Structures are given as C-alpha cells and as structure tokens.
Amino acid sequence: MMTMYEYRRLSELGDRIKANLASKDEKKEYMKLLLKSGSISQAQYNEYLSQQGTTQGDDLIAAALAVGAIFLIGYLIKELGRKD
C-alpha cells in the first residue's frame, strides 16, 4: 500500500517527466513507485532499467506516464468516494 506522500510524489514526478525536466534518478523513482503500486510488473521495471537512456527506455517512460495517470485517477476517485 502506498502512502499519501508516495501518491503525491508519483504525481509530481509524472509532471516533471512530461515537462522533460526529470533526471534519470527521478524517472527511475517514478518507475519504482509504479512497481510498488502494482501498476507495472517486476519484469517491466527490470526492462526499463536495462533500457534506461535509450529510445526504448524513453518509450517505456512514455507508456508509464499513461499508466501512472490512470492509477492516480483511480486513487482520486476512490478517495472522493470515501468522503461521501
């Protein structure tokens, strides 16, 4: 289970990646948070690590941004449902 801080960090990192401001370490942290959330598999995370800094690695990050956005939307919907 992820903490509120981790959800916020995932969102922040996603924004930095989209703006092309994220460092290699921030991209790795983003992928690690997606792994922790269960949004990507260990194999997908390992593939990203092996492809980091390549065109394929950039493609994996682009796909991960979509996955992360869907994950965060699901989290927000769940949180809104708890407040009712």
Protein backbone atom coordinates (compact mmCIF):
# COMPACT_ATOMS: atom_id res chain seq x y z
CA MET A 1 0.00 0.00 0.00
CA MET A 2 1.30 3.42 -0.92
CA THR A 3 1.26 6.40 1.40
CA MET A 4 -0.28 9.78 0.64
CA TYR A 5 3.24 11.15 0.21
CA GLU A 6 4.01 8.48 -2.41
CA TYR A 7 0.85 9.31 -4.37
CA ARG A 8 1.81 12.98 -4.36
CA ARG A 9 5.38 12.14 -5.33
CA LEU A 10 4.15 9.98 -8.21
CA SER A 11 2.07 12.90 -9.48
CA GLU A 12 4.95 15.35 -9.09
CA LEU A 13 7.39 13.06 -10.89
CA GLY A 14 4.89 12.49 -13.69
CA ASP A 15 4.61 16.24 -14.17
CA ARG A 16 8.41 16.61 -14.27
CA ILE A 17 8.71 13.79 -16.80
CA LYS A 18 6.00 15.30 -19.03
CA ALA A 19 7.77 18.67 -18.90
CA ASN A 20 11.05 16.94 -19.83
CA LEU A 21 12.65 18.18 -16.58
CA ALA A 22 13.09 14.84 -14.80
CA SER A 23 16.53 13.46 -14.11
CA LYS A 24 17.47 9.84 -14.69
CA ASP A 25 17.04 9.20 -10.95
CA GLU A 26 13.59 10.81 -10.92
CA LYS A 27 12.46 8.64 -13.82
CA LYS A 28 13.76 5.59 -12.00
CA GLU A 29 11.91 6.68 -8.83
CA TYR A 30 8.71 7.11 -10.87
CA MET A 31 9.01 3.60 -12.25
CA LYS A 32 9.78 2.22 -8.78
CA LEU A 33 6.61 3.85 -7.40
CA LEU A 34 4.58 2.30 -10.23
CA LEU A 35 6.11 -1.06 -9.34
CA LYS A 36 5.25 -0.58 -5.66
CA SER A 37 1.66 0.30 -6.56
CA GLY A 38 1.31 -2.84 -8.67
CA SER A 39 0.75 -0.79 -11.83
CA ILE A 40 3.73 -2.41 -13.56
CA SER A 41 5.36 -5.79 -13.08
CA GLN A 42 8.86 -6.54 -11.86
CA ALA A 43 9.71 -7.67 -15.41
CA GLN A 44 8.55 -4.32 -16.83
CA TYR A 45 10.58 -2.46 -14.22
CA ASN A 46 13.66 -4.57 -14.99
CA GLU A 47 13.18 -3.94 -18.71
CA TYR A 48 13.09 -0.21 -18.05
CA LEU A 49 16.31 -0.44 -16.02
CA SER A 50 18.05 -2.30 -18.82
CA GLN A 51 16.81 0.20 -21.44
CA GLN A 52 17.39 3.41 -19.43
CA GLY A 53 18.83 6.20 -21.56
CA THR A 54 17.84 4.60 -24.87
CA THR A 55 14.96 5.27 -27.23
CA GLN A 56 13.27 2.11 -25.94
CA GLY A 57 13.65 3.39 -22.37
CA ASP A 58 12.05 6.68 -23.39
CA ASP A 59 9.18 4.75 -24.98
CA LEU A 60 8.71 2.78 -21.75
CA ILE A 61 8.58 6.02 -19.74
CA ALA A 62 6.01 7.46 -22.15
CA ALA A 63 3.82 4.38 -21.69
CA ALA A 64 4.37 4.51 -17.94
CA LEU A 65 3.06 8.09 -17.87
CA ALA A 66 -0.28 6.85 -19.18
CA VAL A 67 -0.31 4.01 -16.65
CA GLY A 68 0.55 6.41 -13.84
CA ALA A 69 -2.17 8.84 -14.85
CA ILE A 70 -4.79 6.09 -14.85
CA PHE A 71 -3.54 4.85 -11.47
CA LEU A 72 -3.75 8.35 -9.96
CA ILE A 73 -7.24 8.93 -11.39
CA GLY A 74 -8.37 5.66 -9.79
CA TYR A 75 -6.87 6.73 -6.48
CA LEU A 76 -8.64 10.11 -6.62
CA ILE A 77 -11.99 8.51 -7.43
CA LYS A 78 -11.54 6.12 -4.52
CA GLU A 79 -10.70 8.98 -2.16
CA LEU A 80 -13.70 11.03 -3.32
CA GLY A 81 -15.95 8.04 -2.69
CA ARG A 82 -14.71 7.83 0.90
CA LYS A 83 -15.77 11.41 1.62
CA ASP A 84 -19.43 10.80 0.77
